[in-house]
N, C-alpha and C. Protein backbone atom coordinates (compact mmCIF):
# COMPACT_ATOMS: atom_id res chain seq x y z
N UNK A 1 37.29 62.68 22.00
CA UNK A 1 36.32 61.62 22.00
C UNK A 1 35.83 61.23 20.61
N UNK A 2 35.69 62.10 19.67
CA UNK A 2 35.22 61.67 18.36
C UNK A 2 36.08 60.56 17.74
N UNK A 3 37.43 60.56 17.86
CA UNK A 3 38.17 59.45 17.27
C UNK A 3 37.81 58.11 17.90
N UNK A 4 37.48 58.16 19.17
CA UNK A 4 37.10 56.92 19.83
C UNK A 4 35.81 56.37 19.22
N UNK A 5 34.89 57.24 18.86
CA UNK A 5 33.66 56.81 18.22
C UNK A 5 33.97 56.13 16.89
N UNK A 6 34.90 56.68 16.16
CA UNK A 6 35.28 56.06 14.90
C UNK A 6 35.88 54.68 15.13
N UNK A 7 36.66 54.60 16.20
CA UNK A 7 37.29 53.33 16.51
C UNK A 7 36.22 52.30 16.87
N UNK A 8 35.25 52.67 17.64
CA UNK A 8 34.20 51.72 18.00
C UNK A 8 33.34 51.38 16.80
N UNK A 9 33.13 52.34 15.90
CA UNK A 9 32.37 52.04 14.68
C UNK A 9 33.14 51.06 13.80
N UNK A 10 34.44 51.25 13.74
CA UNK A 10 35.27 50.32 12.96
C UNK A 10 35.23 48.93 13.57
N UNK A 11 35.24 48.86 14.89
CA UNK A 11 35.15 47.57 15.57
C UNK A 11 33.79 46.92 15.30
N UNK A 12 32.75 47.74 15.33
CA UNK A 12 31.41 47.21 15.05
C UNK A 12 31.31 46.68 13.63
N UNK A 13 31.92 47.40 12.69
CA UNK A 13 31.92 46.96 11.30
C UNK A 13 32.69 45.64 11.19
N UNK A 14 33.81 45.54 11.88
CA UNK A 14 34.58 44.29 11.86
C UNK A 14 33.79 43.14 12.48
N UNK A 15 33.09 43.44 13.57
CA UNK A 15 32.25 42.41 14.19
C UNK A 15 31.15 41.96 13.23
N UNK A 16 30.53 42.91 12.55
CA UNK A 16 29.49 42.57 11.58
C UNK A 16 30.06 41.74 10.45
N UNK A 17 31.26 42.11 9.97
CA UNK A 17 31.90 41.35 8.88
C UNK A 17 32.20 39.92 9.34
N UNK A 18 32.70 39.78 10.60
CA UNK A 18 32.99 38.43 11.12
C UNK A 18 31.70 37.62 11.24
N UNK A 19 30.65 38.26 11.72
CA UNK A 19 29.36 37.58 11.84
C UNK A 19 28.85 37.17 10.46
N UNK A 20 28.99 38.07 9.50
CA UNK A 20 28.55 37.76 8.14
C UNK A 20 29.36 36.61 7.55
N UNK A 21 30.67 36.62 7.77
CA UNK A 21 31.52 35.52 7.29
C UNK A 21 31.11 34.20 7.95
N UNK A 22 30.83 34.25 9.25
CA UNK A 22 30.43 33.03 9.97
C UNK A 22 29.08 32.52 9.43
N UNK A 23 28.15 33.43 9.21
CA UNK A 23 26.86 33.03 8.66
C UNK A 23 26.99 32.47 7.26
N UNK A 24 27.87 33.07 6.46
CA UNK A 24 28.10 32.57 5.11
C UNK A 24 28.65 31.15 5.15
N UNK A 25 29.57 30.89 6.07
CA UNK A 25 30.12 29.54 6.22
C UNK A 25 29.03 28.56 6.65
N UNK A 26 28.19 28.99 7.58
CA UNK A 26 27.10 28.12 8.04
C UNK A 26 26.12 27.82 6.91
N UNK A 27 25.78 28.83 6.12
CA UNK A 27 24.85 28.63 5.00
C UNK A 27 25.45 27.66 3.99
N UNK A 28 26.74 27.79 3.70
CA UNK A 28 27.37 26.88 2.75
C UNK A 28 27.42 25.46 3.32
N UNK A 29 27.61 25.33 4.64
CA UNK A 29 27.61 24.01 5.27
C UNK A 29 26.21 23.38 5.18
N UNK A 30 25.18 24.18 5.39
CA UNK A 30 23.81 23.68 5.29
C UNK A 30 23.51 23.25 3.86
N UNK A 31 23.95 24.03 2.90
CA UNK A 31 23.74 23.66 1.49
C UNK A 31 24.44 22.34 1.17
N UNK A 32 25.65 22.19 1.67
CA UNK A 32 26.40 20.95 1.43
C UNK A 32 25.68 19.76 2.07
N UNK A 33 25.16 19.94 3.26
CA UNK A 33 24.43 18.86 3.92
C UNK A 33 23.14 18.53 3.18
N UNK A 34 22.49 19.54 2.64
CA UNK A 34 21.28 19.28 1.84
C UNK A 34 21.62 18.44 0.62
N UNK A 35 22.72 18.77 -0.04
CA UNK A 35 23.14 17.98 -1.21
C UNK A 35 23.45 16.55 -0.80
N UNK A 36 24.12 16.40 0.35
CA UNK A 36 24.42 15.06 0.83
C UNK A 36 23.14 14.30 1.15
N UNK A 37 22.17 14.97 1.74
CA UNK A 37 20.89 14.33 2.04
C UNK A 37 20.17 13.90 0.77
N UNK A 38 20.23 14.72 -0.27
CA UNK A 38 19.61 14.36 -1.54
C UNK A 38 20.27 13.12 -2.11
N UNK A 39 21.60 13.07 -2.06
CA UNK A 39 22.33 11.89 -2.56
C UNK A 39 21.99 10.66 -1.72
N UNK A 40 21.89 10.82 -0.41
CA UNK A 40 21.55 9.68 0.44
C UNK A 40 20.12 9.22 0.19
N UNK A 41 19.20 10.16 -0.04
CA UNK A 41 17.82 9.78 -0.37
C UNK A 41 17.77 8.98 -1.66
N UNK A 42 18.58 9.39 -2.64
CA UNK A 42 18.63 8.65 -3.91
C UNK A 42 19.18 7.24 -3.67
N UNK A 43 20.21 7.15 -2.85
CA UNK A 43 20.82 5.85 -2.55
C UNK A 43 19.82 4.95 -1.81
N UNK A 44 19.09 5.52 -0.85
CA UNK A 44 18.09 4.75 -0.11
C UNK A 44 17.01 4.24 -1.06
N UNK A 45 16.55 5.10 -1.96
CA UNK A 45 15.51 4.70 -2.91
C UNK A 45 16.02 3.57 -3.80
N UNK A 46 17.27 3.67 -4.26
CA UNK A 46 17.86 2.62 -5.08
C UNK A 46 17.92 1.30 -4.32
N UNK A 47 18.37 1.35 -3.06
CA UNK A 47 18.47 0.12 -2.27
C UNK A 47 17.11 -0.47 -1.96
N UNK A 48 16.12 0.38 -1.69
CA UNK A 48 14.77 -0.12 -1.45
C UNK A 48 14.22 -0.80 -2.70
N UNK A 49 14.48 -0.23 -3.86
CA UNK A 49 14.03 -0.86 -5.11
C UNK A 49 14.72 -2.19 -5.33
N UNK A 50 16.00 -2.27 -4.98
CA UNK A 50 16.71 -3.54 -5.13
C UNK A 50 16.13 -4.61 -4.21
N UNK A 51 15.77 -4.21 -2.98
CA UNK A 51 15.18 -5.16 -2.04
C UNK A 51 13.85 -5.67 -2.59
N UNK A 52 13.04 -4.76 -3.11
CA UNK A 52 11.74 -5.16 -3.69
C UNK A 52 11.97 -6.12 -4.85
N UNK A 53 12.93 -5.80 -5.71
CA UNK A 53 13.22 -6.68 -6.85
C UNK A 53 13.67 -8.07 -6.37
N UNK A 54 14.53 -8.10 -5.35
CA UNK A 54 15.00 -9.39 -4.84
C UNK A 54 13.87 -10.18 -4.20
N UNK A 55 12.97 -9.49 -3.48
CA UNK A 55 11.83 -10.19 -2.89
C UNK A 55 10.94 -10.78 -3.98
N UNK A 56 10.73 -10.04 -5.05
CA UNK A 56 9.90 -10.55 -6.14
C UNK A 56 10.60 -11.71 -6.83
N UNK A 57 11.92 -11.64 -6.98
CA UNK A 57 12.66 -12.71 -7.62
C UNK A 57 12.58 -13.99 -6.79
N UNK A 58 12.66 -13.85 -5.46
CA UNK A 58 12.61 -15.05 -4.63
C UNK A 58 11.22 -15.67 -4.64
N UNK A 59 10.18 -14.88 -4.87
CA UNK A 59 8.82 -15.42 -4.94
C UNK A 59 8.51 -16.03 -6.31
N UNK A 60 9.39 -15.82 -7.27
CA UNK A 60 9.13 -16.27 -8.63
C UNK A 60 8.91 -17.79 -8.68
N UNK A 61 9.64 -18.56 -7.89
CA UNK A 61 9.56 -20.01 -7.94
C UNK A 61 8.70 -20.60 -6.82
N UNK A 62 7.97 -19.75 -6.10
CA UNK A 62 7.11 -20.26 -5.04
C UNK A 62 5.95 -21.04 -5.63
N UNK A 63 5.51 -22.03 -4.89
CA UNK A 63 4.38 -22.85 -5.31
C UNK A 63 3.29 -22.71 -4.25
N UNK A 64 2.08 -22.46 -4.70
CA UNK A 64 0.95 -22.43 -3.78
C UNK A 64 0.14 -23.69 -4.01
N UNK A 65 0.02 -24.48 -2.98
CA UNK A 65 -0.68 -25.76 -3.08
C UNK A 65 -2.08 -25.57 -2.50
N UNK A 66 -3.08 -25.92 -3.30
CA UNK A 66 -4.46 -25.85 -2.83
C UNK A 66 -5.11 -27.20 -3.06
N UNK A 67 -6.20 -27.44 -2.42
CA UNK A 67 -6.94 -28.67 -2.64
C UNK A 67 -6.62 -29.79 -1.68
N UNK A 68 -5.69 -29.60 -0.77
CA UNK A 68 -5.41 -30.64 0.22
C UNK A 68 -6.44 -30.53 1.33
N UNK A 69 -6.86 -31.66 1.80
CA UNK A 69 -7.85 -31.65 2.88
C UNK A 69 -7.18 -31.21 4.17
N UNK A 70 -7.87 -30.37 4.94
CA UNK A 70 -7.29 -29.95 6.22
C UNK A 70 -7.17 -31.14 7.16
N UNK A 71 -6.09 -31.14 7.91
CA UNK A 71 -5.86 -32.24 8.83
C UNK A 71 -5.82 -31.73 10.26
N UNK A 72 -6.15 -32.60 11.15
CA UNK A 72 -6.07 -32.27 12.56
C UNK A 72 -4.89 -33.01 13.16
N UNK A 73 -4.20 -32.34 14.07
CA UNK A 73 -3.07 -32.99 14.74
C UNK A 73 -3.52 -33.70 16.02
N UNK A 74 -4.80 -33.60 16.31
CA UNK A 74 -5.30 -34.24 17.53
C UNK A 74 -5.06 -35.74 17.54
N UNK A 75 -5.31 -36.50 16.45
CA UNK A 75 -5.06 -37.95 16.51
C UNK A 75 -3.59 -38.28 16.76
N UNK A 76 -2.71 -37.45 16.29
CA UNK A 76 -1.30 -37.73 16.50
C UNK A 76 -0.90 -37.53 17.96
N UNK A 77 -1.65 -36.71 18.66
CA UNK A 77 -1.32 -36.43 20.06
C UNK A 77 -1.99 -37.38 21.03
N UNK A 78 -3.04 -38.04 20.58
CA UNK A 78 -3.75 -38.95 21.48
C UNK A 78 -3.11 -40.33 21.43
N UNK A 79 -3.31 -41.06 22.46
CA UNK A 79 -2.79 -42.44 22.50
C UNK A 79 -3.94 -43.41 22.66
N UNK A 80 -3.71 -44.62 22.18
CA UNK A 80 -4.71 -45.68 22.32
C UNK A 80 -4.51 -46.39 23.66
N UNK A 81 -5.19 -47.50 23.84
CA UNK A 81 -5.08 -48.27 25.08
C UNK A 81 -3.65 -48.72 25.32
N UNK A 82 -3.26 -48.73 26.55
CA UNK A 82 -1.97 -49.23 27.02
C UNK A 82 -0.79 -48.52 26.35
N UNK A 83 -0.90 -47.23 26.06
CA UNK A 83 0.23 -46.45 25.59
C UNK A 83 0.57 -46.60 24.13
N UNK A 84 -0.26 -47.34 23.36
CA UNK A 84 0.02 -47.47 21.93
C UNK A 84 -0.35 -46.16 21.23
N UNK A 85 0.45 -45.76 20.27
CA UNK A 85 0.16 -44.51 19.57
C UNK A 85 -0.71 -44.79 18.36
N UNK A 86 -1.43 -43.79 17.93
CA UNK A 86 -2.31 -43.89 16.77
C UNK A 86 -1.47 -43.64 15.52
N UNK A 87 -1.28 -44.68 14.69
CA UNK A 87 -0.41 -44.57 13.53
C UNK A 87 -1.17 -44.37 12.23
N UNK A 88 -2.47 -44.16 12.27
CA UNK A 88 -3.23 -44.06 11.03
C UNK A 88 -2.90 -42.79 10.26
N UNK A 89 -2.46 -41.73 10.91
CA UNK A 89 -2.24 -40.46 10.24
C UNK A 89 -0.80 -39.99 10.45
N UNK A 90 0.15 -40.88 10.15
CA UNK A 90 1.53 -40.53 10.44
C UNK A 90 2.28 -39.96 9.23
N UNK A 91 1.62 -39.79 8.09
CA UNK A 91 2.28 -39.20 6.94
C UNK A 91 2.25 -37.68 7.07
N UNK A 92 3.31 -37.06 6.66
CA UNK A 92 3.42 -35.61 6.82
C UNK A 92 2.79 -34.86 5.65
N UNK A 93 2.57 -33.60 5.86
CA UNK A 93 2.02 -32.74 4.80
C UNK A 93 2.96 -32.75 3.60
N UNK A 94 4.25 -32.72 3.88
CA UNK A 94 5.23 -32.74 2.78
C UNK A 94 5.09 -33.98 1.93
N UNK A 95 4.85 -35.10 2.57
CA UNK A 95 4.68 -36.35 1.82
C UNK A 95 3.39 -36.32 1.01
N UNK A 96 2.34 -35.72 1.56
CA UNK A 96 1.09 -35.58 0.81
C UNK A 96 1.31 -34.71 -0.42
N UNK A 97 2.01 -33.61 -0.25
CA UNK A 97 2.27 -32.70 -1.38
C UNK A 97 3.14 -33.40 -2.41
N UNK A 98 4.16 -34.12 -1.96
CA UNK A 98 5.03 -34.84 -2.89
C UNK A 98 4.24 -35.87 -3.69
N UNK A 99 3.40 -36.62 -3.01
CA UNK A 99 2.60 -37.62 -3.70
C UNK A 99 1.64 -36.98 -4.69
N UNK A 100 1.03 -35.87 -4.31
CA UNK A 100 0.11 -35.18 -5.20
C UNK A 100 0.85 -34.67 -6.44
N UNK A 101 2.01 -34.06 -6.26
CA UNK A 101 2.75 -33.54 -7.41
C UNK A 101 3.22 -34.66 -8.33
N UNK A 102 3.65 -35.75 -7.75
CA UNK A 102 4.08 -36.89 -8.58
C UNK A 102 2.91 -37.48 -9.35
N UNK A 103 1.72 -37.46 -8.74
CA UNK A 103 0.55 -37.99 -9.46
C UNK A 103 0.19 -37.10 -10.65
N UNK A 104 0.59 -35.85 -10.62
CA UNK A 104 0.32 -34.94 -11.72
C UNK A 104 1.50 -34.87 -12.69
N UNK A 105 2.53 -35.69 -12.47
CA UNK A 105 3.66 -35.74 -13.38
C UNK A 105 4.75 -34.72 -13.11
N UNK A 106 4.77 -34.14 -11.93
CA UNK A 106 5.78 -33.14 -11.58
C UNK A 106 6.80 -33.79 -10.66
N UNK A 107 8.05 -33.71 -11.05
CA UNK A 107 9.11 -34.25 -10.22
C UNK A 107 9.72 -33.15 -9.39
N UNK A 108 10.15 -33.48 -8.19
CA UNK A 108 10.77 -32.52 -7.27
C UNK A 108 12.28 -32.70 -7.29
N UNK A 109 12.98 -31.60 -6.96
CA UNK A 109 14.44 -31.63 -6.93
C UNK A 109 14.97 -32.41 -5.73
N UNK A 110 14.24 -32.41 -4.64
CA UNK A 110 14.74 -33.08 -3.45
C UNK A 110 13.73 -34.08 -2.95
N UNK A 111 14.23 -35.10 -2.32
CA UNK A 111 13.38 -36.18 -1.81
C UNK A 111 13.00 -35.87 -0.37
N UNK A 112 11.77 -36.17 0.00
CA UNK A 112 11.30 -35.93 1.37
C UNK A 112 11.18 -37.25 2.09
């Protein structure tokens, strides 16, 4: 019986070695995935910064118009006697802005 004990001890040692090898492989896989995650985080940060830069670039030529009188769309929706429409306020906001900019000496690239 004593040789059998040695045989089982040798098997146990082999099992432990296999388990250790498997754990070592798993640890190296986890390390590799961590490195990949770090690289992906860097890539995400770079892309987010590019998006922010592009958003700021697109806002660079935006114009904020102030000073226009607020208008109501109610007169445009109402009708006069016998189905005639109210034409007193038929100019659009775009036309108002265009006229205002032209009065200040600013020309626009496109016609409205």
